[in-house]
């Protein structure tokens, strides 16, 4: 029999070596329950890993802050109540005249009461912004005569009596002269064409003098032009306007004791009703 080389691999048919302590052969079979032990160990490791991860996440302040987002939206069933409008004088155009910003307002230094004693002069109140004005119509005001009707006294109209303007009853029963005295031609403002003036013909206009509205002849002065120019402002009444003085901003024409006067704006229902007028077809 040939001698085996000590460096070569053992033959397959060779018997396993004996254990030197007992002299028994090695048992290479799997111990019962080994697979279950491995599965239990793997499950334990997974549970420990997930617990550690959860603890780390809960201790992270950035993650906690993200989960506490404040709810700033309101419920769809809760109505949004708008704030009431401020109690300010009306501004903006009413659409009675075309805008023309080429003529500035001249400021005055004396008080309105002192200026009115010898004829009114402009005050230093700033003019309202043109940007808030409503769009005027493209066409110019018609040349036909108009009558000015009080909103809260619809049977009364502006009427000239001894050069003063009163709020009188004028109708079909009135004389032709009375109806003619209650009719005016609405023209572009002689101080500012974006406002209006009331012409009576023969170079006569309505103007304010000592805060009362009256008929007067145009003397060619800048003061007269400003006194005879009024800027229509929108109101809460249908088809009605408030007429603001061109050179006394914040003062509007209103009737008091059936006399048409120029008074400062007062945010109450009585003032708004007394200062609201409709320009209707001329009675004369």
Protein backbone atom coordinates (compact mmCIF):
# COMPACT_ATOMS: atom_id res chain seq x y z
CA UNK A 1 0.00 0.00 0.00
CA UNK A 2 1.53 3.38 -1.00
CA UNK A 3 2.52 5.76 1.72
CA UNK A 4 0.25 8.90 2.09
CA UNK A 5 1.86 12.23 1.70
CA UNK A 6 1.55 14.18 4.96
CA UNK A 7 0.76 17.51 3.09
CA UNK A 8 -2.11 16.08 1.08
CA UNK A 9 -5.91 16.33 1.96
CA UNK A 10 -7.36 13.47 4.02
CA UNK A 11 -9.15 10.78 2.20
CA UNK A 12 -12.95 10.92 2.24
CA UNK A 13 -13.21 7.45 3.54
CA UNK A 14 -11.12 8.26 6.55
CA UNK A 15 -12.98 7.95 9.91
CA UNK A 16 -13.33 11.04 12.12
CA UNK A 17 -10.84 11.49 14.89
CA UNK A 18 -11.61 10.39 18.42
CA UNK A 19 -12.11 12.92 21.20
CA UNK A 20 -9.13 12.51 23.44
CA UNK A 21 -10.99 13.02 26.73
CA UNK A 22 -13.68 10.38 26.28
CA UNK A 23 -12.57 8.48 23.28
CA UNK A 24 -16.00 9.07 21.67
CA UNK A 25 -16.69 10.31 18.17
CA UNK A 26 -17.82 13.97 17.57
CA UNK A 27 -21.60 14.45 17.21
CA UNK A 28 -22.11 16.90 14.31
CA UNK A 29 -25.92 16.86 14.40
CA UNK A 30 -27.87 20.17 15.29
CA UNK A 31 -28.94 20.66 18.87
CA UNK A 32 -32.77 20.75 19.16
CA UNK A 33 -34.29 24.30 19.65
CA UNK A 34 -31.34 26.22 18.17
CA UNK A 35 -33.45 27.98 15.45
CA UNK A 36 -35.98 29.25 17.99
CA UNK A 37 -33.23 30.68 20.12
CA UNK A 38 -31.84 32.60 17.13
CA UNK A 39 -35.31 33.99 16.25
CA UNK A 40 -35.95 35.07 19.83
CA UNK A 41 -32.59 36.81 19.99
CA UNK A 42 -33.19 38.65 16.71
CA UNK A 43 -36.65 39.81 17.91
CA UNK A 44 -35.17 41.09 21.17
CA UNK A 45 -32.52 43.09 19.30
CA UNK A 46 -35.18 44.63 17.03
CA UNK A 47 -37.36 45.66 20.01
CA UNK A 48 -34.41 47.26 21.78
CA UNK A 49 -33.39 49.16 18.62
CA UNK A 50 -36.92 50.56 18.06
CA UNK A 51 -37.21 51.62 21.73
CA UNK A 52 -33.93 53.51 21.59
CA UNK A 53 -35.00 55.24 18.34
CA UNK A 54 -38.33 56.35 19.84
CA UNK A 55 -36.66 57.79 22.92
CA UNK A 56 -34.21 59.79 20.78
CA UNK A 57 -37.01 61.18 18.59
CA UNK A 58 -39.15 62.21 21.58
CA UNK A 59 -36.21 64.02 23.18
CA UNK A 60 -35.50 66.03 19.98
CA UNK A 61 -36.86 69.59 20.54
CA UNK A 62 -37.00 70.36 16.82
CA UNK A 63 -39.19 67.35 16.13
CA UNK A 64 -41.49 68.19 19.06
CA UNK A 65 -41.89 71.75 17.83
CA UNK A 66 -42.89 70.56 14.36
CA UNK A 67 -45.71 68.52 15.81
CA UNK A 68 -47.12 71.51 17.72
CA UNK A 69 -48.16 73.73 14.79
CA UNK A 70 -50.62 76.38 15.89
CA UNK A 71 -53.95 76.38 14.10
CA UNK A 72 -54.44 79.92 12.76
CA UNK A 73 -57.25 79.25 10.33
CA UNK A 74 -60.87 79.91 11.23
CA UNK A 75 -63.70 77.51 10.74
CA UNK A 76 -65.61 77.78 7.47
CA UNK A 77 -68.82 78.15 9.44
CA UNK A 78 -67.58 81.29 11.26
CA UNK A 79 -68.56 84.48 9.32
CA UNK A 80 -66.00 87.24 8.88
CA UNK A 81 -67.55 90.48 10.24
CA UNK A 82 -66.07 93.53 8.47
CA UNK A 83 -64.99 96.54 10.48
CA UNK A 84 -67.25 99.59 10.27
CA UNK A 85 -66.05 102.34 7.91
CA UNK A 86 -64.33 105.34 9.51
CA UNK A 87 -66.44 108.40 10.23
CA UNK A 88 -64.84 110.67 7.61
CA UNK A 89 -66.20 113.12 5.09
CA UNK A 90 -67.01 111.59 1.68
CA UNK A 91 -64.42 111.94 -1.06
CA UNK A 92 -64.13 111.01 -4.71
CA UNK A 93 -65.93 112.15 -7.83
CA UNK A 94 -69.64 111.61 -8.42
CA UNK A 95 -69.35 111.56 -12.21
CA UNK A 96 -70.90 115.01 -12.83
CA UNK A 97 -67.83 116.53 -14.47
CA UNK A 98 -64.64 115.50 -16.24
CA UNK A 99 -61.42 115.62 -14.19
CA UNK A 100 -58.82 118.32 -14.72
CA UNK A 101 -55.96 118.55 -12.22
CA UNK A 102 -54.10 121.38 -13.99
CA UNK A 103 -55.32 124.12 -11.61
CA UNK A 104 -53.97 124.01 -8.04
CA UNK A 105 -55.76 125.37 -4.98
CA UNK A 106 -54.44 128.56 -3.38
CA UNK A 107 -53.97 128.28 0.36
CA UNK A 108 -54.97 130.99 2.86
CA UNK A 109 -53.75 131.69 6.37
CA UNK A 110 -56.77 133.35 8.04
CA UNK A 111 -59.60 131.42 9.68
CA UNK A 112 -62.70 130.59 7.56
CA UNK A 113 -64.96 132.87 9.63
CA UNK A 114 -62.59 135.86 9.29
CA UNK A 115 -62.13 135.28 5.55
CA UNK A 116 -65.85 135.04 4.88
CA UNK A 117 -66.55 138.53 6.25
CA UNK A 118 -65.11 140.15 3.15
CA UNK A 119 -65.55 137.30 0.74
CA UNK A 120 -64.23 133.77 1.13
CA UNK A 121 -60.64 132.75 0.63
CA UNK A 122 -59.17 129.29 0.32
CA UNK A 123 -58.01 127.52 3.46
CA UNK A 124 -55.03 125.25 3.96
CA UNK A 125 -56.91 121.95 4.17
CA UNK A 126 -55.27 119.51 1.70
CA UNK A 127 -57.31 118.46 -1.29
CA UNK A 128 -58.44 114.82 -1.48
CA UNK A 129 -56.41 112.44 -3.59
CA UNK A 130 -57.44 111.98 -7.20
CA UNK A 131 -56.56 108.25 -7.01
CA UNK A 132 -59.63 107.46 -4.87
CA UNK A 133 -61.98 109.18 -7.34
CA UNK A 134 -64.53 107.23 -9.30
CA UNK A 135 -64.21 107.21 -13.10
CA UNK A 136 -66.14 110.11 -14.62
CA UNK A 137 -68.08 109.72 -17.87
CA UNK A 138 -66.33 110.59 -21.10
CA UNK A 139 -68.94 113.14 -22.11
CA UNK A 140 -69.22 116.65 -20.67
CA UNK A 141 -72.27 117.75 -18.66
CA UNK A 142 -75.33 118.59 -20.72
CA UNK A 143 -76.11 122.25 -21.31
CA UNK A 144 -79.80 121.90 -20.38
CA UNK A 145 -80.93 123.43 -17.12
CA UNK A 146 -81.19 121.44 -13.91
CA UNK A 147 -83.08 121.88 -10.67
CA UNK A 148 -81.63 120.85 -7.32
CA UNK A 149 -84.00 118.75 -5.23
CA UNK A 150 -83.61 118.01 -1.51
CA UNK A 151 -83.51 114.30 -0.68
CA UNK A 152 -85.45 114.59 2.58
CA UNK A 153 -87.87 117.25 1.19
CA UNK A 154 -88.55 116.02 -2.36
CA UNK A 155 -91.19 118.74 -2.96
CA UNK A 156 -88.63 121.50 -2.28
CA UNK A 157 -85.90 122.80 -4.60
CA UNK A 158 -83.16 125.42 -4.59
CA UNK A 159 -84.88 128.70 -5.33
CA UNK A 160 -83.43 132.21 -5.60
CA UNK A 161 -85.22 134.76 -3.47
CA UNK A 162 -83.65 138.26 -3.35
CA UNK A 163 -80.31 136.73 -4.47
CA UNK A 164 -80.31 134.24 -1.56
CA UNK A 165 -80.84 130.53 -2.21
CA UNK A 166 -83.64 128.92 -0.20
CA UNK A 167 -85.27 125.51 -0.18
CA UNK A 168 -88.82 126.28 -1.36
CA UNK A 169 -91.78 124.37 -2.73
CA UNK A 170 -91.75 124.68 -6.50
CA UNK A 171 -93.91 122.72 -8.93
CA UNK A 172 -96.19 122.84 -11.92
CA UNK A 173 -98.53 125.12 -9.97
CA UNK A 174 -95.76 127.74 -9.55
CA UNK A 175 -95.36 130.70 -11.87
CA UNK A 176 -92.95 130.54 -14.79
CA UNK A 177 -90.71 133.09 -13.06
CA UNK A 178 -90.55 130.97 -9.89
CA UNK A 179 -89.74 127.85 -11.89
CA UNK A 180 -87.06 129.74 -13.80
CA UNK A 181 -85.55 130.94 -10.50
CA UNK A 182 -85.28 127.29 -9.47
CA UNK A 183 -83.43 126.21 -12.62
CA UNK A 184 -79.70 126.44 -13.27
CA UNK A 185 -77.19 125.45 -15.92
CA UNK A 186 -74.64 123.00 -14.51
CA UNK A 187 -71.27 123.79 -16.10
CA UNK A 188 -67.68 122.67 -15.44
CA UNK A 189 -66.27 124.43 -12.39
CA UNK A 190 -64.86 127.83 -13.25
CA UNK A 191 -61.99 127.23 -10.79
CA UNK A 192 -61.56 123.50 -11.52
CA UNK A 193 -63.29 121.70 -14.39
CA UNK A 194 -63.35 118.45 -12.40
CA UNK A 195 -65.99 120.12 -10.19
CA UNK A 196 -69.13 122.07 -11.15
CA UNK A 197 -70.55 125.58 -11.09
CA UNK A 198 -74.18 126.71 -11.32
CA UNK A 199 -74.73 129.39 -13.95
CA UNK A 200 -77.79 131.64 -14.14
CA UNK A 201 -76.80 133.35 -17.38
CA UNK A 202 -75.74 136.96 -17.86
CA UNK A 203 -72.40 136.13 -16.15
CA UNK A 204 -74.12 135.30 -12.85
CA UNK A 205 -73.34 132.21 -10.74
CA UNK A 206 -74.21 130.71 -7.40
CA UNK A 207 -71.43 131.25 -4.88
CA UNK A 208 -70.98 131.02 -1.11
CA UNK A 209 -70.58 134.30 0.75
CA UNK A 210 -70.35 134.40 4.55
CA UNK A 211 -71.14 130.66 4.38
CA UNK A 212 -74.50 131.23 2.67
CA UNK A 213 -75.32 130.33 -0.92
CA UNK A 214 -76.37 133.26 -3.07
CA UNK A 215 -76.50 134.47 -6.68
CA UNK A 216 -73.82 136.97 -7.68
CA UNK A 217 -72.22 138.45 -10.77
CA UNK A 218 -68.80 137.15 -11.77
CA UNK A 219 -66.25 139.91 -11.05
CA UNK A 220 -63.35 138.05 -12.71
CA UNK A 221 -61.39 137.42 -9.48
CA UNK A 222 -59.84 134.12 -8.51
CA UNK A 223 -61.71 134.33 -5.22
CA UNK A 224 -65.06 134.45 -6.97
CA UNK A 225 -64.13 131.46 -9.16
CA UNK A 226 -63.28 129.40 -6.08
CA UNK A 227 -66.40 130.52 -4.16
CA UNK A 228 -68.56 129.50 -7.14
CA UNK A 229 -67.02 126.03 -7.58
CA UNK A 230 -68.38 122.94 -5.82
CA UNK A 231 -67.17 119.36 -6.01
CA UNK A 232 -69.83 116.60 -6.06
CA UNK A 233 -69.22 113.72 -3.65
CA UNK A 234 -71.07 110.40 -3.43
CA UNK A 235 -73.67 109.76 -0.73
CA UNK A 236 -75.60 106.80 0.65
CA UNK A 237 -78.75 108.04 -1.08
CA UNK A 238 -79.66 106.86 -4.56
CA UNK A 239 -78.73 109.31 -7.36
CA UNK A 240 -77.83 112.01 -4.83
CA UNK A 241 -74.62 113.98 -4.26
CA UNK A 242 -73.06 116.15 -1.59
CA UNK A 243 -71.53 119.42 -2.81
CA UNK A 244 -68.20 120.22 -1.18
CA UNK A 245 -66.76 123.72 -1.33
CA UNK A 246 -63.74 123.95 -3.60
CA UNK A 247 -61.81 126.30 -1.33
CA UNK A 248 -63.16 125.10 2.04
CA UNK A 249 -62.51 121.37 2.04
CA UNK A 250 -64.65 119.54 4.57
CA UNK A 251 -67.54 122.00 4.25
CA UNK A 252 -70.65 121.00 2.31
CA UNK A 253 -73.82 122.74 1.20
CA UNK A 254 -76.81 121.80 3.35
CA UNK A 255 -80.19 123.28 4.17
CA UNK A 256 -80.95 124.58 7.65
CA UNK A 257 -84.27 126.32 8.32
CA UNK A 258 -84.74 126.00 4.53
CA UNK A 259 -81.71 128.20 3.86
CA UNK A 260 -78.81 126.68 1.88
CA UNK A 261 -75.60 127.11 3.87
CA UNK A 262 -71.98 125.93 3.85
CA UNK A 263 -71.26 123.95 7.02
CA UNK A 264 -68.51 121.58 8.22
CA UNK A 265 -69.14 117.89 7.77
CA UNK A 266 -70.85 116.16 10.69
CA UNK A 267 -71.13 112.38 10.65
CA UNK A 268 -74.78 111.98 11.63
CA UNK A 269 -77.91 111.00 9.75
CA UNK A 270 -79.50 114.46 9.93
CA UNK A 271 -76.50 116.20 8.38
CA UNK A 272 -76.17 113.58 5.64
CA UNK A 273 -79.86 113.89 4.75
CA UNK A 274 -79.82 117.72 4.79
CA UNK A 275 -76.70 117.84 2.59
CA UNK A 276 -77.85 115.29 -0.02
CA UNK A 277 -79.31 116.73 -3.22
CA UNK A 278 -80.49 115.35 -6.55
CA UNK A 279 -79.93 117.14 -9.84
CA UNK A 280 -83.16 116.65 -11.79
CA UNK A 281 -84.64 118.03 -14.97
CA UNK A 282 -85.02 121.79 -14.82
CA UNK A 283 -88.39 123.12 -13.74
CA UNK A 284 -88.07 126.28 -15.82
